[in-house]
């Protein structure tokens, strides 16, 4: 076994995902978008050379088939306690399997690519502390799209609104080194209507990586054009 991190990718149950996009996408369209982005994120992690193993963390039985198709592990534990609680349990499980580091990656990162993941995982300073943490800042500057941490976790997980500041403050109080990376390939996430419209512009510019998300956007734009024509 190598010392590479185990990537943990949380995905909510699909019954009511991305509700903040409900003004522009139907429930079925939102579900399709979540599955497409998760598929591409898992594929990018599988291709990353510095990632030891990829684990889908979800309580949705609908995603077992996705895990099989992506050739990743489906976390065997229950996932009904909340994002931070479920991810904490998943890191403990991974540690018991031999993992030394956890790479938590959100599933709504349409620009994610293997080269960007390896760039994030690779340390810039070989003298960095073994207990240091690394985060990728979201495009709005306040969220944490990726978190690389040693196991056992040296601080409690605190994903949610303004999570980056909370992680930084928690690390400072514990005397832990906390590095923040800014990378457009890691920063773009899809939560709001503006995010989706920006993603459409990226797709039209030809800069969206090929994959399920690009295929889905092409189909959604075709449907939108047809509806406008009618």
C-alpha atoms as a PDB file:
ATOM      1  CA  UNK A   1       0.000   0.000   0.000  1.00  0.00           C
ATOM      2  CA  UNK A   2       1.260   3.499  -0.834  1.00  0.00           C
ATOM      3  CA  UNK A   3       0.980   6.573   1.359  1.00  0.00           C
ATOM      4  CA  UNK A   4      -1.457   8.311  -0.984  1.00  0.00           C
ATOM      5  CA  UNK A   5      -4.701   9.636   0.484  1.00  0.00           C
ATOM      6  CA  UNK A   6      -8.039   7.913   0.306  1.00  0.00           C
ATOM      7  CA  UNK A   7     -10.485  10.192  -1.476  1.00  0.00           C
ATOM      8  CA  UNK A   8     -13.912  10.427   0.172  1.00  0.00           C
ATOM      9  CA  UNK A   9     -16.685  11.847  -2.014  1.00  0.00           C
ATOM     10  CA  UNK A  10     -19.960  12.642  -0.205  1.00  0.00           C
ATOM     11  CA  UNK A  11     -23.209  12.636  -2.189  1.00  0.00           C
ATOM     12  CA  UNK A  12     -26.596  13.352  -0.624  1.00  0.00           C
ATOM     13  CA  UNK A  13     -29.618  11.173  -1.167  1.00  0.00           C
ATOM     14  CA  UNK A  14     -31.037  12.053  -4.553  1.00  0.00           C
ATOM     15  CA  UNK A  15     -34.593  12.795  -3.468  1.00  0.00           C
ATOM     16  CA  UNK A  16     -34.125  16.536  -2.968  1.00  0.00           C
ATOM     17  CA  UNK A  17     -30.736  17.645  -4.235  1.00  0.00           C
ATOM     18  CA  UNK A  18     -29.609  21.139  -5.289  1.00  0.00           C
ATOM     19  CA  UNK A  19     -32.876  22.789  -4.225  1.00  0.00           C
ATOM     20  CA  UNK A  20     -31.352  26.243  -4.765  1.00  0.00           C
ATOM     21  CA  UNK A  21     -31.429  25.469  -8.491  1.00  0.00           C
ATOM     22  CA  UNK A  22     -35.166  24.778  -8.411  1.00  0.00           C
ATOM     23  CA  UNK A  23     -35.937  28.089 -10.102  1.00  0.00           C
ATOM     24  CA  UNK A  24     -34.224  27.007 -13.315  1.00  0.00           C
ATOM     25  CA  UNK A  25     -34.108  23.199 -13.195  1.00  0.00           C
ATOM     26  CA  UNK A  26     -36.766  20.615 -12.431  1.00  0.00           C
ATOM     27  CA  UNK A  27     -36.222  17.993  -9.723  1.00  0.00           C
ATOM     28  CA  UNK A  28     -35.349  15.415 -12.383  1.00  0.00           C
ATOM     29  CA  UNK A  29     -32.894  17.795 -14.070  1.00  0.00           C
ATOM     30  CA  UNK A  30     -31.224  18.571 -10.737  1.00  0.00           C
ATOM     31  CA  UNK A  31     -30.909  14.890  -9.967  1.00  0.00           C
ATOM     32  CA  UNK A  32     -29.391  14.224 -13.390  1.00  0.00           C
ATOM     33  CA  UNK A  33     -26.925  17.076 -12.908  1.00  0.00           C
ATOM     34  CA  UNK A  34     -25.809  15.775  -9.508  1.00  0.00           C
ATOM     35  CA  UNK A  35     -25.279  12.257 -10.863  1.00  0.00           C
ATOM     36  CA  UNK A  36     -23.395  13.567 -13.905  1.00  0.00           C
ATOM     37  CA  UNK A  37     -21.053  15.755 -11.854  1.00  0.00           C
ATOM     38  CA  UNK A  38     -20.464  12.993  -9.308  1.00  0.00           C
ATOM     39  CA  UNK A  39     -19.647  10.567 -12.123  1.00  0.00           C
ATOM     40  CA  UNK A  40     -17.044  12.949 -13.534  1.00  0.00           C
ATOM     41  CA  UNK A  41     -15.539  13.722 -10.114  1.00  0.00           C
ATOM     42  CA  UNK A  42     -15.148  10.016  -9.346  1.00  0.00           C
ATOM     43  CA  UNK A  43     -13.595   9.404 -12.775  1.00  0.00           C
ATOM     44  CA  UNK A  44     -11.069  12.207 -12.257  1.00  0.00           C
ATOM     45  CA  UNK A  45     -10.102  10.831  -8.851  1.00  0.00           C
ATOM     46  CA  UNK A  46      -9.669   7.321 -10.251  1.00  0.00           C
ATOM     47  CA  UNK A  47      -7.302   8.739 -12.880  1.00  0.00           C
ATOM     48  CA  UNK A  48      -5.274  10.752 -10.342  1.00  0.00           C
ATOM     49  CA  UNK A  49      -1.920   9.060  -9.786  1.00  0.00           C
ATOM     50  CA  UNK A  50      -1.463  10.276  -6.183  1.00  0.00           C
ATOM     51  CA  UNK A  51      -4.806   9.007  -4.858  1.00  0.00           C
ATOM     52  CA  UNK A  52      -4.672   5.566  -3.248  1.00  0.00           C
ATOM     53  CA  UNK A  53      -8.378   4.710  -3.249  1.00  0.00           C
ATOM     54  CA  UNK A  54     -11.686   6.415  -4.054  1.00  0.00           C
ATOM     55  CA  UNK A  55     -14.706   5.981  -1.773  1.00  0.00           C
ATOM     56  CA  UNK A  56     -18.245   7.162  -2.460  1.00  0.00           C
ATOM     57  CA  UNK A  57     -19.882   8.217   0.809  1.00  0.00           C
ATOM     58  CA  UNK A  58     -23.641   8.168   0.390  1.00  0.00           C
ATOM     59  CA  UNK A  59     -26.755   6.772   1.973  1.00  0.00           C
ATOM     60  CA  UNK A  60     -28.592   6.708  -1.339  1.00  0.00           C
ATOM     61  CA  UNK A  61     -29.180   3.143  -2.579  1.00  0.00           C
ATOM     62  CA  UNK A  62     -29.515   4.598  -6.081  1.00  0.00           C
ATOM     63  CA  UNK A  63     -25.781   5.334  -6.124  1.00  0.00           C
ATOM     64  CA  UNK A  64     -24.524   1.784  -5.586  1.00  0.00           C
ATOM     65  CA  UNK A  65     -24.675   1.256  -9.350  1.00  0.00           C
ATOM     66  CA  UNK A  66     -22.728   4.480  -9.880  1.00  0.00           C
ATOM     67  CA  UNK A  67     -19.965   3.268  -7.564  1.00  0.00           C
ATOM     68  CA  UNK A  68     -19.742  -0.024  -9.455  1.00  0.00           C
ATOM     69  CA  UNK A  69     -19.622   1.713 -12.833  1.00  0.00           C
ATOM     70  CA  UNK A  70     -16.932   4.130 -11.639  1.00  0.00           C
ATOM     71  CA  UNK A  71     -14.883   1.279 -10.125  1.00  0.00           C
ATOM     72  CA  UNK A  72     -14.821   2.891  -6.689  1.00  0.00           C
ATOM     73  CA  UNK A  73     -15.609   1.658  -3.181  1.00  0.00           C
ATOM     74  CA  UNK A  74     -19.024   2.368  -1.678  1.00  0.00           C
ATOM     75  CA  UNK A  75     -18.635   3.274   1.995  1.00  0.00           C
ATOM     76  CA  UNK A  76     -20.406   0.490   3.905  1.00  0.00           C
ATOM     77  CA  UNK A  77     -21.538   2.512   6.884  1.00  0.00           C
ATOM     78  CA  UNK A  78     -24.837   4.359   7.385  1.00  0.00           C
ATOM     79  CA  UNK A  79     -25.036   7.953   6.090  1.00  0.00           C
ATOM     80  CA  UNK A  80     -27.960   9.632   7.772  1.00  0.00           C
ATOM     81  CA  UNK A  81     -26.417  11.766  10.508  1.00  0.00           C
ATOM     82  CA  UNK A  82     -25.372  14.845   8.508  1.00  0.00           C
ATOM     83  CA  UNK A  83     -22.468  15.689   6.224  1.00  0.00           C
ATOM     84  CA  UNK A  84     -19.785  16.262   8.855  1.00  0.00           C
ATOM     85  CA  UNK A  85     -20.852  13.336  11.016  1.00  0.00           C
ATOM     86  CA  UNK A  86     -21.030  10.935   8.071  1.00  0.00           C
ATOM     87  CA  UNK A  87     -17.655  12.040   6.723  1.00  0.00           C
ATOM     88  CA  UNK A  88     -16.066  11.730  10.169  1.00  0.00           C
ATOM     89  CA  UNK A  89     -17.317   8.145  10.429  1.00  0.00           C
ATOM     90  CA  UNK A  90     -16.046   7.458   6.902  1.00  0.00           C
ATOM     91  CA  UNK A  91     -12.559   8.744   7.767  1.00  0.00           C
ATOM     92  CA  UNK A  92     -12.504   6.490  10.837  1.00  0.00           C
ATOM     93  CA  UNK A  93     -13.499   3.533   8.695  1.00  0.00           C
ATOM     94  CA  UNK A  94     -10.820   4.386   6.110  1.00  0.00           C
ATOM     95  CA  UNK A  95      -8.211   4.643   8.848  1.00  0.00           C
ATOM     96  CA  UNK A  96      -9.136   1.176  10.076  1.00  0.00           C
ATOM     97  CA  UNK A  97      -8.556  -0.083   6.524  1.00  0.00           C
ATOM     98  CA  UNK A  98      -5.045   1.367   6.544  1.00  0.00           C
ATOM     99  CA  UNK A  99      -5.498   4.909   5.200  1.00  0.00           C
ATOM    100  CA  UNK A 100      -3.086   7.507   6.518  1.00  0.00           C
ATOM    101  CA  UNK A 101      -4.632  10.548   4.857  1.00  0.00           C
ATOM    102  CA  UNK A 102      -8.126  11.542   3.786  1.00  0.00           C
ATOM    103  CA  UNK A 103      -8.867  13.692   0.760  1.00  0.00           C
ATOM    104  CA  UNK A 104     -12.444  14.938   1.044  1.00  0.00           C
ATOM    105  CA  UNK A 105     -13.754  16.055  -2.337  1.00  0.00           C
ATOM    106  CA  UNK A 106     -17.205  17.477  -2.985  1.00  0.00           C
ATOM    107  CA  UNK A 107     -19.081  15.955  -5.897  1.00  0.00           C
ATOM    108  CA  UNK A 108     -20.196  19.165  -7.633  1.00  0.00           C
ATOM    109  CA  UNK A 109     -16.866  20.243  -9.167  1.00  0.00           C
ATOM    110  CA  UNK A 110     -17.374  20.120 -12.958  1.00  0.00           C
ATOM    111  CA  UNK A 111     -13.880  21.396 -13.849  1.00  0.00           C
ATOM    112  CA  UNK A 112     -12.070  18.832 -11.723  1.00  0.00           C
ATOM    113  CA  UNK A 113      -9.341  16.911 -13.542  1.00  0.00           C
ATOM    114  CA  UNK A 114      -6.779  14.320 -12.480  1.00  0.00           C
ATOM    115  CA  UNK A 115      -3.868  16.699 -13.048  1.00  0.00           C
ATOM    116  CA  UNK A 116      -5.457  19.297 -10.745  1.00  0.00           C
ATOM    117  CA  UNK A 117      -6.026  16.667  -8.054  1.00  0.00           C
ATOM    118  CA  UNK A 118      -2.408  15.521  -8.204  1.00  0.00           C
ATOM    119  CA  UNK A 119      -1.267  19.141  -8.129  1.00  0.00           C
ATOM    120  CA  UNK A 120      -3.331  19.693  -4.980  1.00  0.00           C
ATOM    121  CA  UNK A 121      -2.193  16.514  -3.217  1.00  0.00           C
ATOM    122  CA  UNK A 122       1.505  17.020  -3.955  1.00  0.00           C
ATOM    123  CA  UNK A 123       3.174  19.104  -1.214  1.00  0.00           C
ATOM    124  CA  UNK A 124       4.918  22.290  -2.224  1.00  0.00           C
ATOM    125  CA  UNK A 125       7.184  22.125   0.806  1.00  0.00           C
ATOM    126  CA  UNK A 126       8.806  18.780   1.625  1.00  0.00           C
ATOM    127  CA  UNK A 127       9.409  20.029   5.161  1.00  0.00           C
ATOM    128  CA  UNK A 128       5.679  20.478   5.805  1.00  0.00           C
ATOM    129  CA  UNK A 129       4.485  19.023   9.088  1.00  0.00           C
ATOM    130  CA  UNK A 130       3.009  15.528   8.977  1.00  0.00           C
ATOM    131  CA  UNK A 131      -0.059  16.895  10.769  1.00  0.00           C
ATOM    132  CA  UNK A 132      -0.658  19.755   8.337  1.00  0.00           C
ATOM    133  CA  UNK A 133      -3.901  20.304   6.467  1.00  0.00           C
ATOM    134  CA  UNK A 134      -4.598  21.653   2.986  1.00  0.00           C
ATOM    135  CA  UNK A 135      -7.799  23.161   1.581  1.00  0.00           C
ATOM    136  CA  UNK A 136      -8.964  24.266  -1.857  1.00  0.00           C
ATOM    137  CA  UNK A 137     -10.944  27.489  -1.744  1.00  0.00           C
ATOM    138  CA  UNK A 138     -14.251  27.717  -3.609  1.00  0.00           C
ATOM    139  CA  UNK A 139     -14.829  30.436  -6.202  1.00  0.00           C
ATOM    140  CA  UNK A 140     -16.781  32.562  -3.702  1.00  0.00           C
ATOM    141  CA  UNK A 141     -13.813  32.506  -1.340  1.00  0.00           C
ATOM    142  CA  UNK A 142     -15.608  31.138   1.711  1.00  0.00           C
ATOM    143  CA  UNK A 143     -16.143  27.426   1.119  1.00  0.00           C
ATOM    144  CA  UNK A 144     -13.886  24.374   1.156  1.00  0.00           C
ATOM    145  CA  UNK A 145     -14.144  22.255  -1.992  1.00  0.00           C
ATOM    146  CA  UNK A 146     -11.311  19.869  -1.118  1.00  0.00           C
ATOM    147  CA  UNK A 147      -9.699  19.092   2.216  1.00  0.00           C
ATOM    148  CA  UNK A 148      -6.551  17.011   2.662  1.00  0.00           C
ATOM    149  CA  UNK A 149      -6.000  15.883   6.241  1.00  0.00           C
ATOM    150  CA  UNK A 150      -3.967  13.277   8.117  1.00  0.00           C
ATOM    151  CA  UNK A 151      -5.678  10.415   9.909  1.00  0.00           C
ATOM    152  CA  UNK A 152      -6.837  10.328  12.570  1.00  0.00           C
ATOM    153  CA  UNK A 153      -8.382  13.724  11.947  1.00  0.00           C
ATOM    154  CA  UNK A 154      -6.575  16.379  14.002  1.00  0.00           C
ATOM    155  CA  UNK A 155      -9.654  18.627  14.130  1.00  0.00           C
ATOM    156  CA  UNK A 156     -13.427  18.234  13.780  1.00  0.00           C
ATOM    157  CA  UNK A 157     -14.913  18.519  10.308  1.00  0.00           C
ATOM    158  CA  UNK A 158     -16.837  21.734   9.790  1.00  0.00           C
ATOM    159  CA  UNK A 159     -18.172  21.784   6.236  1.00  0.00           C
ATOM    160  CA  UNK A 160     -21.017  24.199   5.533  1.00  0.00           C
ATOM    161  CA  UNK A 161     -21.384  27.956   5.161  1.00  0.00           C
ATOM    162  CA  UNK A 162     -18.051  29.787   5.639  1.00  0.00           C
ATOM    163  CA  UNK A 163     -16.279  26.489   6.293  1.00  0.00           C
ATOM    164  CA  UNK A 164     -12.871  27.717   5.145  1.00  0.00           C
ATOM    165  CA  UNK A 165     -12.648  30.298   7.938  1.00  0.00           C
ATOM    166  CA  UNK A 166     -13.786  27.740  10.500  1.00  0.00           C
ATOM    167  CA  UNK A 167     -11.188  25.199   9.387  1.00  0.00           C
ATOM    168  CA  UNK A 168      -8.493  27.867   9.422  1.00  0.00           C
ATOM    169  CA  UNK A 169      -9.442  29.026  12.933  1.00  0.00           C
ATOM    170  CA  UNK A 170      -9.679  25.481  14.271  1.00  0.00           C
ATOM    171  CA  UNK A 171      -6.230  24.686  12.875  1.00  0.00           C
ATOM    172  CA  UNK A 172      -4.765  27.868  14.369  1.00  0.00           C
ATOM    173  CA  UNK A 173      -6.164  27.075  17.821  1.00  0.00           C
ATOM    174  CA  UNK A 174      -4.574  23.620  17.661  1.00  0.00           C
ATOM    175  CA  UNK A 175      -1.256  24.881  16.329  1.00  0.00           C
ATOM    176  CA  UNK A 176      -1.678  23.036  13.041  1.00  0.00           C
ATOM    177  CA  UNK A 177      -0.288  24.147   9.702  1.00  0.00           C
ATOM    178  CA  UNK A 178      -3.160  25.014   7.343  1.00  0.00           C
ATOM    179  CA  UNK A 179      -2.479  25.738   3.680  1.00  0.00           C
ATOM    180  CA  UNK A 180      -5.085  27.245   1.339  1.00  0.00           C
ATOM    181  CA  UNK A 181      -4.796  26.629  -2.394  1.00  0.00           C
ATOM    182  CA  UNK A 182      -6.492  28.689  -5.109  1.00  0.00           C
ATOM    183  CA  UNK A 183      -6.992  26.748  -8.338  1.00  0.00           C
ATOM    184  CA  UNK A 184      -9.779  27.446 -10.876  1.00  0.00           C
ATOM    185  CA  UNK A 185     -10.046  23.722 -11.633  1.00  0.00           C
ATOM    186  CA  UNK A 186     -10.862  23.087  -7.971  1.00  0.00           C
ATOM    187  CA  UNK A 187     -12.816  26.244  -7.190  1.00  0.00           C
ATOM    188  CA  UNK A 188     -15.850  25.979  -9.479  1.00  0.00           C
ATOM    189  CA  UNK A 189     -18.808  24.398  -7.682  1.00  0.00           C
ATOM    190  CA  UNK A 190     -22.487  24.439  -8.555  1.00  0.00           C
ATOM    191  CA  UNK A 191     -24.920  25.580  -5.869  1.00  0.00           C
ATOM    192  CA  UNK A 192     -26.832  28.606  -7.157  1.00  0.00           C
ATOM    193  CA  UNK A 193     -28.518  29.648 -10.354  1.00  0.00           C
ATOM    194  CA  UNK A 194     -25.615  31.968 -11.159  1.00  0.00           C
ATOM    195  CA  UNK A 195     -23.236  29.010 -10.823  1.00  0.00           C
ATOM    196  CA  UNK A 196     -25.272  26.996 -13.311  1.00  0.00           C
ATOM    197  CA  UNK A 197     -25.425  29.853 -15.826  1.00  0.00           C
ATOM    198  CA  UNK A 198     -21.666  30.336 -15.473  1.00  0.00           C
ATOM    199  CA  UNK A 199     -21.230  26.620 -16.128  1.00  0.00           C
ATOM    200  CA  UNK A 200     -23.305  26.952 -19.296  1.00  0.00           C
ATOM    201  CA  UNK A 201     -20.944  29.711 -20.482  1.00  0.00           C
ATOM    202  CA  UNK A 202     -17.932  27.498 -19.751  1.00  0.00           C
ATOM    203  CA  UNK A 203     -19.566  24.684 -21.717  1.00  0.00           C
ATOM    204  CA  UNK A 204     -20.284  26.943 -24.682  1.00  0.00           C
ATOM    205  CA  UNK A 205     -16.691  28.185 -24.638  1.00  0.00           C
ATOM    206  CA  UNK A 206     -15.448  24.606 -25.015  1.00  0.00           C
ATOM    207  CA  UNK A 207     -13.523  24.674 -21.728  1.00  0.00           C
ATOM    208  CA  UNK A 208     -15.630  22.113 -19.876  1.00  0.00           C
ATOM    209  CA  UNK A 209     -13.855  18.736 -19.731  1.00  0.00           C
ATOM    210  CA  UNK A 210     -15.546  15.993 -21.718  1.00  0.00           C
ATOM    211  CA  UNK A 211     -17.665  13.663 -19.635  1.00  0.00           C
ATOM    212  CA  UNK A 212     -21.164  13.085 -18.344  1.00  0.00           C
ATOM    213  CA  UNK A 213     -21.648  16.712 -17.267  1.00  0.00           C
ATOM    214  CA  UNK A 214     -20.784  18.070 -20.703  1.00  0.00           C
ATOM    215  CA  UNK A 215     -23.117  15.539 -22.330  1.00  0.00           C
ATOM    216  CA  UNK A 216     -25.938  16.473 -19.974  1.00  0.00           C
ATOM    217  CA  UNK A 217     -25.515  20.219 -20.490  1.00  0.00           C
ATOM    218  CA  UNK A 218     -25.604  19.725 -24.237  1.00  0.00           C
ATOM    219  CA  UNK A 219     -28.871  17.831 -23.904  1.00  0.00           C
ATOM    220  CA  UNK A 220     -30.371  20.400 -21.523  1.00  0.00           C
ATOM    221  CA  UNK A 221     -29.450  23.252 -23.839  1.00  0.00           C
ATOM    222  CA  UNK A 222     -31.018  21.413 -26.763  1.00  0.00           C
ATOM    223  CA  UNK A 223     -34.218  20.938 -24.751  1.00  0.00           C
ATOM    224  CA  UNK A 224     -34.173  24.598 -23.770  1.00  0.00           C
ATOM    225  CA  UNK A 225     -33.738  25.680 -27.397  1.00  0.00           C
ATOM    226  CA  UNK A 226     -36.554  23.412 -28.496  1.00  0.00           C
ATOM    227  CA  UNK A 227     -38.872  24.751 -25.814  1.00  0.00           C
ATOM    228  CA  UNK A 228     -38.064  28.327 -26.841  1.00  0.00           C
ATOM    229  CA  UNK A 229     -38.745  27.533 -30.483  1.00  0.00           C
ATOM    230  CA  UNK A 230     -42.123  26.030 -29.626  1.00  0.00           C
END
